[in-house]
Amino acid sequence: MPTPVPPGHTLAAALSDSQALAGLLARVRESQARLAVVAELLPVGLRGDVRAGPLDDTAWVLLVDHAAAAAKLRQLLPNLQQALAQSGRDGPPIKIRVLPRV
């Protein structure tokens, strides 16, 4: 039988209680912070089509809704990488993946 969750115990608190899940939560937060840095460089019409994706040691993935958004984003990659480096969030390269919203 599963252990009952104490009243008032939030999902974030449960995630931080587990070392593996805390690492996952840290990566999700870092991915979102990276998106906040690069979002300022995106054309206004493109911002709604780009979402923060997985971040690991090999890549940070930006998820886009369609191929046209991916093509435009690929043109901006050097500027996005530079902005991340200047903000102190230099790391693995950016990869783009088309994943339409459901």
PDB file of N, CA and C in Angstrom:
ATOM      1  N   MET A   1       0.849  -1.174   0.000  1.00  0.00           N
ATOM      2  CA  MET A   1       0.000   0.000   0.000  1.00  0.00           C
ATOM      3  C   MET A   1       0.896   1.239   0.000  1.00  0.00           C
ATOM      4  N   PRO A   2       0.590   2.266  -0.834  1.00  0.00           N
ATOM      5  CA  PRO A   2       1.410   3.464  -0.887  1.00  0.00           C
ATOM      6  C   PRO A   2       1.372   4.238   0.427  1.00  0.00           C
ATOM      7  N   THR A   3       2.471   4.931   0.687  1.00  0.00           N
ATOM      8  CA  THR A   3       2.561   5.766   1.880  1.00  0.00           C
ATOM      9  C   THR A   3       1.666   6.977   1.693  1.00  0.00           C
ATOM     10  N   PRO A   4       0.808   7.283   2.659  1.00  0.00           N
ATOM     11  CA  PRO A   4      -0.059   8.450   2.513  1.00  0.00           C
ATOM     12  C   PRO A   4       0.763   9.742   2.510  1.00  0.00           C
ATOM     13  N   VAL A   5       0.274  10.700   1.749  1.00  0.00           N
ATOM     14  CA  VAL A   5       0.934  11.996   1.661  1.00  0.00           C
ATOM     15  C   VAL A   5       0.440  12.856   2.806  1.00  0.00           C
ATOM     16  N   PRO A   6       1.367  13.448   3.571  1.00  0.00           N
ATOM     17  CA  PRO A   6       0.941  14.295   4.679  1.00  0.00           C
ATOM     18  C   PRO A   6       0.151  15.501   4.163  1.00  0.00           C
ATOM     19  N   PRO A   7      -0.841  15.951   4.919  1.00  0.00           N
ATOM     20  CA  PRO A   7      -1.606  17.125   4.496  1.00  0.00           C
ATOM     21  C   PRO A   7      -0.681  18.333   4.323  1.00  0.00           C
ATOM     22  N   GLY A   8      -0.918  19.094   3.283  1.00  0.00           N
ATOM     23  CA  GLY A   8      -0.121  20.287   3.035  1.00  0.00           C
ATOM     24  C   GLY A   8       1.207  20.011   2.356  1.00  0.00           C
ATOM     25  N   HIS A   9       1.506  18.764   2.065  1.00  0.00           N
ATOM     26  CA  HIS A   9       2.762  18.399   1.408  1.00  0.00           C
ATOM     27  C   HIS A   9       2.588  18.637  -0.094  1.00  0.00           C
ATOM     28  N   THR A  10       3.313  19.601  -0.622  1.00  0.00           N
ATOM     29  CA  THR A  10       3.165  19.955  -2.029  1.00  0.00           C
ATOM     30  C   THR A  10       3.986  19.032  -2.915  1.00  0.00           C
ATOM     31  N   LEU A  11       3.684  19.081  -4.204  1.00  0.00           N
ATOM     32  CA  LEU A  11       4.440  18.290  -5.165  1.00  0.00           C
ATOM     33  C   LEU A  11       5.903  18.717  -5.161  1.00  0.00           C
ATOM     34  N   ALA A  12       6.150  20.018  -5.100  1.00  0.00           N
ATOM     35  CA  ALA A  12       7.530  20.510  -5.077  1.00  0.00           C
ATOM     36  C   ALA A  12       8.275  19.985  -3.850  1.00  0.00           C
ATOM     37  N   ALA A  13       7.605  19.930  -2.713  1.00  0.00           N
ATOM     38  CA  ALA A  13       8.236  19.412  -1.503  1.00  0.00           C
ATOM     39  C   ALA A  13       8.520  17.917  -1.653  1.00  0.00           C
ATOM     40  N   ALA A  14       7.593  17.189  -2.248  1.00  0.00           N
ATOM     41  CA  ALA A  14       7.805  15.759  -2.460  1.00  0.00           C
ATOM     42  C   ALA A  14       8.968  15.530  -3.413  1.00  0.00           C
ATOM     43  N   LEU A  15       9.066  16.349  -4.457  1.00  0.00           N
ATOM     44  CA  LEU A  15      10.169  16.218  -5.407  1.00  0.00           C
ATOM     45  C   LEU A  15      11.510  16.499  -4.741  1.00  0.00           C
ATOM     46  N   SER A  16      11.538  17.487  -3.878  1.00  0.00           N
ATOM     47  CA  SER A  16      12.809  17.827  -3.237  1.00  0.00           C
ATOM     48  C   SER A  16      13.205  16.799  -2.174  1.00  0.00           C
ATOM     49  N   ASP A  17      12.262  16.009  -1.691  1.00  0.00           N
ATOM     50  CA  ASP A  17      12.575  14.961  -0.713  1.00  0.00           C
ATOM     51  C   ASP A  17      13.346  13.810  -1.335  1.00  0.00           C
ATOM     52  N   SER A  18      13.197  13.604  -2.622  1.00  0.00           N
ATOM     53  CA  SER A  18      13.885  12.526  -3.328  1.00  0.00           C
ATOM     54  C   SER A  18      15.056  13.114  -4.103  1.00  0.00           C
ATOM     55  N   GLN A  19      16.237  12.560  -3.911  1.00  0.00           N
ATOM     56  CA  GLN A  19      17.422  13.101  -4.566  1.00  0.00           C
ATOM     57  C   GLN A  19      17.302  13.038  -6.094  1.00  0.00           C
ATOM     58  N   ALA A  20      16.815  11.928  -6.615  1.00  0.00           N
ATOM     59  CA  ALA A  20      16.676  11.779  -8.069  1.00  0.00           C
ATOM     60  C   ALA A  20      15.641  12.751  -8.615  1.00  0.00           C
ATOM     61  N   LEU A  21      14.516  12.856  -7.922  1.00  0.00           N
ATOM     62  CA  LEU A  21      13.469  13.766  -8.385  1.00  0.00           C
ATOM     63  C   LEU A  21      13.874  15.222  -8.194  1.00  0.00           C
ATOM     64  N   ALA A  22      14.651  15.508  -7.175  1.00  0.00           N
ATOM     65  CA  ALA A  22      15.127  16.877  -6.972  1.00  0.00           C
ATOM     66  C   ALA A  22      16.037  17.289  -8.123  1.00  0.00           C
ATOM     67  N   GLY A  23      16.866  16.365  -8.617  1.00  0.00           N
ATOM     68  CA  GLY A  23      17.716  16.655  -9.772  1.00  0.00           C
ATOM     69  C   GLY A  23      16.890  16.924 -11.016  1.00  0.00           C
ATOM     70  N   LEU A  24      15.823  16.159 -11.183  1.00  0.00           N
ATOM     71  CA  LEU A  24      14.920  16.358 -12.312  1.00  0.00           C
ATOM     72  C   LEU A  24      14.246  17.726 -12.227  1.00  0.00           C
ATOM     73  N   LEU A  25      13.778  18.083 -11.047  1.00  0.00           N
ATOM     74  CA  LEU A  25      13.140  19.380 -10.849  1.00  0.00           C
ATOM     75  C   LEU A  25      14.121  20.516 -11.126  1.00  0.00           C
ATOM     76  N   ALA A  26      15.370  20.347 -10.719  1.00  0.00           N
ATOM     77  CA  ALA A  26      16.385  21.376 -10.973  1.00  0.00           C
ATOM     78  C   ALA A  26      16.608  21.556 -12.466  1.00  0.00           C
ATOM     79  N   ARG A  27      16.602  20.459 -13.216  1.00  0.00           N
ATOM     80  CA  ARG A  27      16.778  20.561 -14.672  1.00  0.00           C
ATOM     81  C   ARG A  27      15.587  21.243 -15.337  1.00  0.00           C
ATOM     82  N   VAL A  28      14.392  20.935 -14.868  1.00  0.00           N
ATOM     83  CA  VAL A  28      13.189  21.580 -15.419  1.00  0.00           C
ATOM     84  C   VAL A  28      13.252  23.081 -15.166  1.00  0.00           C
ATOM     85  N   ARG A  29      13.631  23.461 -13.965  1.00  0.00           N
ATOM     86  CA  ARG A  29      13.733  24.896 -13.638  1.00  0.00           C
ATOM     87  C   ARG A  29      14.820  25.579 -14.454  1.00  0.00           C
ATOM     88  N   GLU A  30      15.944  24.913 -14.654  1.00  0.00           N
ATOM     89  CA  GLU A  30      17.030  25.475 -15.451  1.00  0.00           C
ATOM     90  C   GLU A  30      16.590  25.627 -16.908  1.00  0.00           C
ATOM     91  N   SER A  31      15.863  24.654 -17.426  1.00  0.00           N
ATOM     92  CA  SER A  31      15.364  24.728 -18.797  1.00  0.00           C
ATOM     93  C   SER A  31      14.430  25.921 -18.957  1.00  0.00           C
ATOM     94  N   GLN A  32      13.559  26.132 -17.988  1.00  0.00           N
ATOM     95  CA  GLN A  32      12.640  27.267 -18.037  1.00  0.00           C
ATOM     96  C   GLN A  32      13.391  28.594 -17.908  1.00  0.00           C
ATOM     97  N   ALA A  33      14.421  28.624 -17.082  1.00  0.00           N
ATOM     98  CA  ALA A  33      15.226  29.843 -16.932  1.00  0.00           C
ATOM     99  C   ALA A  33      15.970  30.158 -18.228  1.00  0.00           C
ATOM    100  N   ARG A  34      16.461  29.129 -18.900  1.00  0.00           N
ATOM    101  CA  ARG A  34      17.137  29.324 -20.185  1.00  0.00           C
ATOM    102  C   ARG A  34      16.161  29.880 -21.214  1.00  0.00           C
ATOM    103  N   LEU A  35      14.939  29.364 -21.216  1.00  0.00           N
ATOM    104  CA  LEU A  35      13.947  29.872 -22.157  1.00  0.00           C
ATOM    105  C   LEU A  35      13.650  31.344 -21.882  1.00  0.00           C
ATOM    106  N   ALA A  36      13.597  31.717 -20.628  1.00  0.00           N
ATOM    107  CA  ALA A  36      13.356  33.125 -20.293  1.00  0.00           C
ATOM    108  C   ALA A  36      14.457  34.016 -20.857  1.00  0.00           C
ATOM    109  N   VAL A  37      15.701  33.528 -20.863  1.00  0.00           N
ATOM    110  CA  VAL A  37      16.823  34.302 -21.405  1.00  0.00           C
ATOM    111  C   VAL A  37      16.680  34.470 -22.915  1.00  0.00           C
ATOM    112  N   VAL A  38      16.397  33.378 -23.620  1.00  0.00           N
ATOM    113  CA  VAL A  38      16.376  33.449 -25.087  1.00  0.00           C
ATOM    114  C   VAL A  38      15.064  33.992 -25.639  1.00  0.00           C
ATOM    115  N   ALA A  39      13.995  33.957 -24.864  1.00  0.00           N
ATOM    116  CA  ALA A  39      12.691  34.413 -25.356  1.00  0.00           C
ATOM    117  C   ALA A  39      12.743  35.871 -25.806  1.00  0.00           C
ATOM    118  N   GLU A  40      13.570  36.663 -25.158  1.00  0.00           N
ATOM    119  CA  GLU A  40      13.678  38.078 -25.518  1.00  0.00           C
ATOM    120  C   GLU A  40      14.227  38.268 -26.925  1.00  0.00           C
ATOM    121  N   LEU A  41      14.957  37.282 -27.430  1.00  0.00           N
ATOM    122  CA  LEU A  41      15.555  37.381 -28.764  1.00  0.00           C
ATOM    123  C   LEU A  41      14.641  36.845 -29.862  1.00  0.00           C
ATOM    124  N   LEU A  42      13.560  36.196 -29.484  1.00  0.00           N
ATOM    125  CA  LEU A  42      12.659  35.606 -30.467  1.00  0.00           C
ATOM    126  C   LEU A  42      11.693  36.653 -31.005  1.00  0.00           C
ATOM    127  N   PRO A  43      11.391  36.589 -32.294  1.00  0.00           N
ATOM    128  CA  PRO A  43      10.348  37.467 -32.815  1.00  0.00           C
ATOM    129  C   PRO A  43       9.044  37.226 -32.058  1.00  0.00           C
ATOM    130  N   VAL A  44       8.277  38.271 -31.858  1.00  0.00           N
ATOM    131  CA  VAL A  44       7.053  38.176 -31.062  1.00  0.00           C
ATOM    132  C   VAL A  44       6.137  37.064 -31.580  1.00  0.00           C
ATOM    133  N   GLY A  45       6.012  36.935 -32.884  1.00  0.00           N
ATOM    134  CA  GLY A  45       5.138  35.921 -33.449  1.00  0.00           C
ATOM    135  C   GLY A  45       5.615  34.500 -33.237  1.00  0.00           C
ATOM    136  N   LEU A  46       6.879  34.330 -32.895  1.00  0.00           N
ATOM    137  CA  LEU A  46       7.460  33.000 -32.701  1.00  0.00           C
ATOM    138  C   LEU A  46       7.438  32.564 -31.239  1.00  0.00           C
ATOM    139  N   ARG A  47       7.356  33.506 -30.342  1.00  0.00           N
ATOM    140  CA  ARG A  47       7.458  33.187 -28.906  1.00  0.00           C
ATOM    141  C   ARG A  47       6.430  32.175 -28.432  1.00  0.00           C
ATOM    142  N   GLY A  48       5.223  32.253 -28.932  1.00  0.00           N
ATOM    143  CA  GLY A  48       4.171  31.333 -28.514  1.00  0.00           C
ATOM    144  C   GLY A  48       4.348  29.925 -29.052  1.00  0.00           C
ATOM    145  N   ASP A  49       5.208  29.763 -30.048  1.00  0.00           N
ATOM    146  CA  ASP A  49       5.430  28.459 -30.661  1.00  0.00           C
ATOM    147  C   ASP A  49       6.604  27.703 -30.052  1.00  0.00           C
ATOM    148  N   VAL A  50       7.321  28.327 -29.120  1.00  0.00           N
ATOM    149  CA  VAL A  50       8.541  27.731 -28.562  1.00  0.00           C
ATOM    150  C   VAL A  50       8.327  27.413 -27.086  1.00  0.00           C
ATOM    151  N   ARG A  51       8.711  26.192 -26.707  1.00  0.00           N
ATOM    152  CA  ARG A  51       8.603  25.767 -25.313  1.00  0.00           C
ATOM    153  C   ARG A  51       9.934  25.183 -24.857  1.00  0.00           C
ATOM    154  N   ALA A  52      10.178  25.271 -23.572  1.00  0.00           N
ATOM    155  CA  ALA A  52      11.378  24.665 -22.992  1.00  0.00           C
ATOM    156  C   ALA A  52      11.200  23.159 -22.967  1.00  0.00           C
ATOM    157  N   GLY A  53      12.230  22.465 -23.419  1.00  0.00           N
ATOM    158  CA  GLY A  53      12.208  21.005 -23.418  1.00  0.00           C
ATOM    159  C   GLY A  53      13.250  20.462 -22.465  1.00  0.00           C
ATOM    160  N   PRO A  54      13.586  19.200 -22.633  1.00  0.00           N
ATOM    161  CA  PRO A  54      14.538  18.548 -21.735  1.00  0.00           C
ATOM    162  C   PRO A  54      15.932  19.179 -21.778  1.00  0.00           C
ATOM    163  N   LEU A  55      16.603  19.125 -20.664  1.00  0.00           N
ATOM    164  CA  LEU A  55      17.979  19.594 -20.528  1.00  0.00           C
ATOM    165  C   LEU A  55      18.783  18.475 -19.891  1.00  0.00           C
ATOM    166  N   ASP A  56      19.879  18.103 -20.553  1.00  0.00           N
ATOM    167  CA  ASP A  56      20.795  17.135 -19.955  1.00  0.00           C
ATOM    168  C   ASP A  56      22.221  17.531 -20.306  1.00  0.00           C
ATOM    169  N   ASP A  57      23.161  16.650 -20.091  1.00  0.00           N
ATOM    170  CA  ASP A  57      24.566  16.983 -20.329  1.00  0.00           C
ATOM    171  C   ASP A  57      24.918  17.112 -21.803  1.00  0.00           C
ATOM    172  N   THR A  58      24.080  16.581 -22.688  1.00  0.00           N
ATOM    173  CA  THR A  58      24.397  16.588 -24.115  1.00  0.00           C
ATOM    174  C   THR A  58      23.670  17.666 -24.898  1.00  0.00           C
ATOM    175  N   ALA A  59      22.513  18.132 -24.421  1.00  0.00           N
ATOM    176  CA  ALA A  59      21.751  19.124 -25.178  1.00  0.00           C
ATOM    177  C   ALA A  59      20.655  19.743 -24.327  1.00  0.00           C
ATOM    178  N   TRP A  60      20.253  20.935 -24.755  1.00  0.00           N
ATOM    179  CA  TRP A  60      19.031  21.564 -24.259  1.00  0.00           C
ATOM    180  C   TRP A  60      18.101  21.609 -25.451  1.00  0.00           C
ATOM    181  N   VAL A  61      16.911  21.059 -25.309  1.00  0.00           N
ATOM    182  CA  VAL A  61      15.973  20.963 -26.417  1.00  0.00           C
ATOM    183  C   VAL A  61      14.923  22.060 -26.308  1.00  0.00           C
ATOM    184  N   LEU A  62      14.724  22.743 -27.427  1.00  0.00           N
ATOM    185  CA  LEU A  62      13.611  23.670 -27.561  1.00  0.00           C
ATOM    186  C   LEU A  62      12.550  22.963 -28.396  1.00  0.00           C
ATOM    187  N   LEU A  63      11.346  22.915 -27.874  1.00  0.00           N
ATOM    188  CA  LEU A  63      10.235  22.282 -28.573  1.00  0.00           C
ATOM    189  C   LEU A  63       9.462  23.354 -29.328  1.00  0.00           C
ATOM    190  N   VAL A  64       9.165  23.074 -30.594  1.00  0.00           N
ATOM    191  CA  VAL A  64       8.405  24.029 -31.405  1.00  0.00           C
ATOM    192  C   VAL A  64       7.186  23.328 -31.984  1.00  0.00           C
ATOM    193  N   ASP A  65       6.174  24.126 -32.324  1.00  0.00           N
ATOM    194  CA  ASP A  65       4.908  23.578 -32.782  1.00  0.00           C
ATOM    195  C   ASP A  65       4.912  23.101 -34.228  1.00  0.00           C
ATOM    196  N   HIS A  66       5.766  23.679 -35.075  1.00  0.00           N
ATOM    197  CA  HIS A  66       5.721  23.320 -36.492  1.00  0.00           C
ATOM    198  C   HIS A  66       7.081  23.571 -37.146  1.00  0.00           C
ATOM    199  N   ALA A  67       7.244  23.010 -38.346  1.00  0.00           N
ATOM    200  CA  ALA A  67       8.525  23.061 -39.053  1.00  0.00           C
ATOM    201  C   ALA A  67       8.954  24.483 -39.398  1.00  0.00           C
ATOM    202  N   ALA A  68       8.011  25.351 -39.696  1.00  0.00           N
ATOM    203  CA  ALA A  68       8.372  26.736 -40.030  1.00  0.00           C
ATOM    204  C   ALA A  68       9.012  27.430 -38.827  1.00  0.00           C
ATOM    205  N   ALA A  69       8.472  27.180 -37.646  1.00  0.00           N
ATOM    206  CA  ALA A  69       9.055  27.749 -36.429  1.00  0.00           C
ATOM    207  C   ALA A  69      10.447  27.172 -36.191  1.00  0.00           C
ATOM    208  N   ALA A  70      10.617  25.888 -36.457  1.00  0.00           N
ATOM    209  CA  ALA A  70      11.928  25.248 -36.283  1.00  0.00           C
ATOM    210  C   ALA A  70      12.951  25.867 -37.225  1.00  0.00           C
ATOM    211  N   ALA A  71      12.557  26.114 -38.471  1.00  0.00           N
ATOM    212  CA  ALA A  71      13.480  26.701 -39.448  1.00  0.00           C
ATOM    213  C   ALA A  71      13.919  28.093 -39.014  1.00  0.00           C
ATOM    214  N   LYS A  72      12.997  28.903 -38.562  1.00  0.00           N
ATOM    215  CA  LYS A  72      13.343  30.261 -38.111  1.00  0.00           C
ATOM    216  C   LYS A  72      14.227  30.190 -36.874  1.00  0.00           C
ATOM    217  N   LEU A  73      13.918  29.290 -35.973  1.00  0.00           N
ATOM    218  CA  LEU A  73      14.699  29.149 -34.746  1.00  0.00           C
ATOM    219  C   LEU A  73      16.135  28.718 -35.045  1.00  0.00           C
ATOM    220  N   ARG A  74      16.300  27.846 -36.020  1.00  0.00           N
ATOM    221  CA  ARG A  74      17.648  27.408 -36.397  1.00  0.00           C
ATOM    222  C   ARG A  74      18.493  28.581 -36.891  1.00  0.00           C
ATOM    223  N   GLN A  75      17.866  29.546 -37.557  1.00  0.00           N
ATOM    224  CA  GLN A  75      18.584  30.738 -38.007  1.00  0.00           C
ATOM    225  C   GLN A  75      19.071  31.575 -36.824  1.00  0.00           C
ATOM    226  N   LEU A  76      18.349  31.507 -35.729  1.00  0.00           N
ATOM    227  CA  LEU A  76      18.662  32.313 -34.550  1.00  0.00           C
ATOM    228  C   LEU A  76      19.601  31.622 -33.563  1.00  0.00           C
ATOM    229  N   LEU A  77      19.935  30.358 -33.802  1.00  0.00           N
ATOM    230  CA  LEU A  77      20.719  29.589 -32.831  1.00  0.00           C
ATOM    231  C   LEU A  77      22.013  30.265 -32.374  1.00  0.00           C
ATOM    232  N   PRO A  78      22.833  30.835 -33.274  1.00  0.00           N
ATOM    233  CA  PRO A  78      24.061  31.475 -32.783  1.00  0.00           C
ATOM    234  C   PRO A  78      23.775  32.606 -31.784  1.00  0.00           C
ATOM    235  N   ASN A  79      22.748  33.390 -32.049  1.00  0.00           N
ATOM    236  CA  ASN A  79      22.397  34.478 -31.131  1.00  0.00           C
ATOM    237  C   ASN A  79      21.872  33.950 -29.803  1.00  0.00           C
ATOM    238  N   LEU A  80      21.115  32.867 -29.859  1.00  0.00           N
ATOM    239  CA  LEU A  80      20.570  32.283 -28.633  1.00  0.00           C
ATOM    240  C   LEU A  80      21.683  31.714 -27.763  1.00  0.00           C
ATOM    241  N   GLN A  81      22.632  30.997 -28.382  1.00  0.00           N
ATOM    242  CA  GLN A  81      23.767  30.445 -27.632  1.00  0.00           C
ATOM    243  C   GLN A  81      24.597  31.562 -27.013  1.00  0.00           C
ATOM    244  N   GLN A  82      24.783  32.637 -27.758  1.00  0.00           N
ATOM    245  CA  GLN A  82      25.559  33.768 -27.246  1.00  0.00           C
ATOM    246  C   GLN A  82      24.858  34.411 -26.053  1.00  0.00           C
ATOM    247  N   ALA A  83      23.543  34.564 -26.141  1.00  0.00           N
ATOM    248  CA  ALA A  83      22.786  35.149 -25.030  1.00  0.00           C
ATOM    249  C   ALA A  83      22.885  34.277 -23.782  1.00  0.00           C
ATOM    250  N   LEU A  84      22.827  32.970 -23.964  1.00  0.00           N
ATOM    251  CA  LEU A  84      22.964  32.067 -22.817  1.00  0.00           C
ATOM    252  C   LEU A  84      24.349  32.192 -22.187  1.00  0.00           C
ATOM    253  N   ALA A  85      25.372  32.260 -23.021  1.00  0.00           N
ATOM    254  CA  ALA A  85      26.744  32.390 -22.511  1.00  0.00           C
ATOM    255  C   ALA A  85      26.900  33.698 -21.739  1.00  0.00           C
ATOM    256  N   GLN A  86      26.353  34.774 -22.272  1.00  0.00           N
ATOM    257  CA  GLN A  86      26.476  36.075 -21.607  1.00  0.00           C
ATOM    258  C   GLN A  86      25.702  36.123 -20.300  1.00  0.00           C
ATOM    259  N   SER A  87      24.662  35.302 -20.185  1.00  0.00           N
ATOM    260  CA  SER A  87      23.877  35.292 -18.951  1.00  0.00           C
ATOM    261  C   SER A  87      24.435  34.316 -17.917  1.00  0.00           C
ATOM    262  N   GLY A  88      25.532  33.633 -18.281  1.00  0.00           N
ATOM    263  CA  GLY A  88      26.116  32.664 -17.353  1.00  0.00           C
ATOM    264  C   GLY A  88      25.482  31.294 -17.430  1.00  0.00           C
ATOM    265  N   ARG A  89      24.663  31.060 -18.430  1.00  0.00           N
ATOM    266  CA  ARG A  89      23.982  29.776 -18.585  1.00  0.00           C
ATOM    267  C   ARG A  89      24.530  29.009 -19.781  1.00  0.00           C
ATOM    268  N   ASP A  90      25.823  29.202 -20.040  1.00  0.00           N
ATOM    269  CA  ASP A  90      26.471  28.461 -21.116  1.00  0.00           C
ATOM    270  C   ASP A  90      26.450  26.991 -20.752  1.00  0.00           C
ATOM    271  N   GLY A  91      26.293  26.154 -21.719  1.00  0.00           N
ATOM    272  CA  GLY A  91      26.232  24.731 -21.439  1.00  0.00           C
ATOM    273  C   GLY A  91      26.117  23.947 -22.715  1.00  0.00           C
ATOM    274  N   PRO A  92      25.329  22.878 -22.658  1.00  0.00           N
ATOM    275  CA  PRO A  92      25.221  22.025 -23.849  1.00  0.00           C
ATOM    276  C   PRO A  92      24.560  22.779 -24.996  1.00  0.00           C
ATOM    277  N   PRO A  93      24.779  22.316 -26.220  1.00  0.00           N
ATOM    278  CA  PRO A  93      24.192  22.997 -27.375  1.00  0.00           C
ATOM    279  C   PRO A  93      22.667  22.909 -27.382  1.00  0.00           C
ATOM    280  N   ILE A  94      22.056  23.845 -28.084  1.00  0.00           N
ATOM    281  CA  ILE A  94      20.609  23.857 -28.253  1.00  0.00           C
ATOM    282  C   ILE A  94      20.245  22.950 -29.424  1.00  0.00           C
ATOM    283  N   LYS A  95      19.259  22.121 -29.205  1.00  0.00           N
ATOM    284  CA  LYS A  95      18.690  21.317 -30.277  1.00  0.00           C
ATOM    285  C   LYS A  95      17.221  21.690 -30.399  1.00  0.00           C
ATOM    286  N   ILE A  96      16.700  21.569 -31.596  1.00  0.00           N
ATOM    287  CA  ILE A  96      15.309  21.935 -31.853  1.00  0.00           C
ATOM    288  C   ILE A  96      14.533  20.696 -32.268  1.00  0.00           C
ATOM    289  N   ARG A  97      13.390  20.523 -31.672  1.00  0.00           N
ATOM    290  CA  ARG A  97      12.551  19.364 -31.994  1.00  0.00           C
ATOM    291  C   ARG A  97      11.125  19.852 -32.249  1.00  0.00           C
ATOM    292  N   VAL A  98      10.554  19.416 -33.354  1.00  0.00           N
ATOM    293  CA  VAL A  98       9.168  19.743 -33.658  1.00  0.00           C
ATOM    294  C   VAL A  98       8.263  18.779 -32.897  1.00  0.00           C
ATOM    295  N   LEU A  99       7.428  19.330 -32.063  1.00  0.00           N
ATOM    296  CA  LEU A  99       6.491  18.534 -31.276  1.00  0.00           C
ATOM    297  C   LEU A  99       5.211  19.349 -31.124  1.00  0.00           C
ATOM    298  N   PRO A 100       4.241  19.136 -32.022  1.00  0.00           N
ATOM    299  CA  PRO A 100       3.004  19.913 -31.952  1.00  0.00           C
ATOM    300  C   PRO A 100       2.294  19.710 -30.607  1.00  0.00           C
ATOM    301  N   ARG A 101       1.630  20.743 -30.176  1.00  0.00           N
ATOM    302  CA  ARG A 101       0.843  20.646 -28.940  1.00  0.00           C
ATOM    303  C   ARG A 101      -0.360  19.743 -29.187  1.00  0.00           C
ATOM    304  N   VAL A 102      -0.767  19.077 -28.160  1.00  0.00           N
ATOM    305  CA  VAL A 102      -1.903  18.159 -28.289  1.00  0.00           C
ATOM    306  C   VAL A 102      -3.187  18.881 -27.972  1.00  0.00           C
TER     307      VAL A 102
END
